[in-house]
């Protein structure tokens, strides 16, 4: 069993109520998209909605895909170990 931990690169988080969100929806959505903030809208006891930017969502889906198979997980682990030990491979991108 694997536990995937995703850490938001800016770790900003906003919380609001649904009625406050309705009153100022543009400002909240601007903060989410421009400042990479995560917005949690509380909808009552133990209920809520999380809003993240499309960029954050795509990063999460990409991470999920990269870790979706054992082979991908092993390649990623090997790459991280190599990078931490100072072994890195630098390739020049060919001009077209």
Protein backbone atom coordinates (compact mmCIF):
# COMPACT_ATOMS: atom_id res chain seq x y z
CA UNK A 1 0.00 0.00 0.00
CA UNK A 2 1.29 3.44 -0.90
CA UNK A 3 0.32 6.73 0.61
CA UNK A 4 0.78 9.66 -1.75
CA UNK A 5 1.46 12.99 -0.13
CA UNK A 6 1.04 16.02 -2.31
CA UNK A 7 2.45 19.24 -0.91
CA UNK A 8 1.16 22.45 -2.40
CA UNK A 9 4.18 24.45 -3.51
CA UNK A 10 3.00 27.60 -1.74
CA UNK A 11 0.98 25.95 1.06
CA UNK A 12 -1.57 28.77 1.09
CA UNK A 13 -5.08 27.83 2.07
CA UNK A 14 -8.23 29.89 2.31
CA UNK A 15 -11.45 28.91 4.01
CA UNK A 16 -14.86 30.49 3.65
CA UNK A 17 -18.53 29.78 3.92
CA UNK A 18 -20.74 29.17 0.92
CA UNK A 19 -22.60 32.45 1.41
CA UNK A 20 -19.36 34.47 1.66
CA UNK A 21 -18.07 32.70 -1.45
CA UNK A 22 -21.23 33.66 -3.34
CA UNK A 23 -20.83 37.30 -2.32
CA UNK A 24 -17.25 37.59 -3.61
CA UNK A 25 -16.77 34.70 -6.04
CA UNK A 26 -14.48 36.59 -8.44
CA UNK A 27 -12.01 37.59 -5.71
CA UNK A 28 -11.84 34.05 -4.36
CA UNK A 29 -11.33 32.51 -7.80
CA UNK A 30 -8.67 35.11 -8.64
CA UNK A 31 -6.76 34.19 -5.46
CA UNK A 32 -6.96 30.51 -6.33
CA UNK A 33 -5.75 30.94 -9.91
CA UNK A 34 -3.21 33.72 -9.46
CA UNK A 35 -1.70 32.85 -6.08
CA UNK A 36 -1.98 29.05 -6.22
CA UNK A 37 -4.09 29.11 -3.09
CA UNK A 38 -6.39 26.27 -2.13
CA UNK A 39 -9.92 27.31 -1.20
CA UNK A 40 -12.07 25.28 1.17
CA UNK A 41 -15.75 26.16 1.22
CA UNK A 42 -17.43 24.89 4.37
CA UNK A 43 -20.96 23.62 3.80
CA UNK A 44 -21.88 22.57 7.30
CA UNK A 45 -20.73 19.94 9.73
CA UNK A 46 -18.11 17.66 8.13
CA UNK A 47 -19.04 18.81 4.64
CA UNK A 48 -17.21 21.04 2.21
CA UNK A 49 -15.74 21.63 -1.19
CA UNK A 50 -12.13 22.22 -2.21
CA UNK A 51 -11.26 24.49 -5.12
CA UNK A 52 -7.79 24.45 -6.68
CA UNK A 53 -6.40 25.98 -9.85
CA UNK A 54 -6.31 24.01 -13.08
CA UNK A 55 -2.50 24.03 -12.86
CA UNK A 56 -2.61 22.43 -9.40
CA UNK A 57 -5.19 19.88 -10.58
CA UNK A 58 -3.05 18.94 -13.59
CA UNK A 59 -0.01 18.53 -11.32
CA UNK A 60 -1.99 16.20 -9.07
CA UNK A 61 -3.21 14.13 -12.02
CA UNK A 62 0.32 13.95 -13.42
CA UNK A 63 1.65 12.75 -10.07
CA UNK A 64 -1.14 10.20 -9.87
CA UNK A 65 -0.23 8.91 -13.33
CA UNK A 66 3.49 8.75 -12.55
CA UNK A 67 2.77 6.66 -9.48
CA UNK A 68 0.05 4.54 -11.07
CA UNK A 69 2.29 1.57 -11.81
CA UNK A 70 5.02 -0.16 -9.84
CA UNK A 71 7.50 0.35 -12.70
CA UNK A 72 6.88 4.11 -12.76
CA UNK A 73 7.25 4.26 -8.97
CA UNK A 74 10.58 2.40 -9.15
CA UNK A 75 11.91 4.69 -11.90
CA UNK A 76 10.93 7.76 -9.91
CA UNK A 77 12.51 6.37 -6.71
CA UNK A 78 15.74 5.58 -8.59
CA UNK A 79 15.84 9.06 -10.10
CA UNK A 80 15.35 10.70 -6.71
CA UNK A 81 18.11 8.57 -5.16
CA UNK A 82 20.49 9.40 -8.01
CA UNK A 83 19.75 13.10 -7.71
CA UNK A 84 20.24 13.10 -3.93
CA UNK A 85 23.56 11.25 -4.25
CA UNK A 86 24.84 13.81 -6.75
CA UNK A 87 24.59 11.51 -9.77
CA UNK A 88 22.81 13.34 -12.52
CA UNK A 89 22.63 13.04 -16.23
CA UNK A 90 22.60 16.23 -18.23
CA UNK A 91 21.34 16.07 -21.79
CA UNK A 92 21.35 18.85 -24.28
CA UNK A 93 18.16 19.29 -26.22
CA UNK A 94 18.86 19.10 -29.91
CA UNK A 95 18.06 22.17 -31.96
CA UNK A 96 15.44 21.61 -34.62
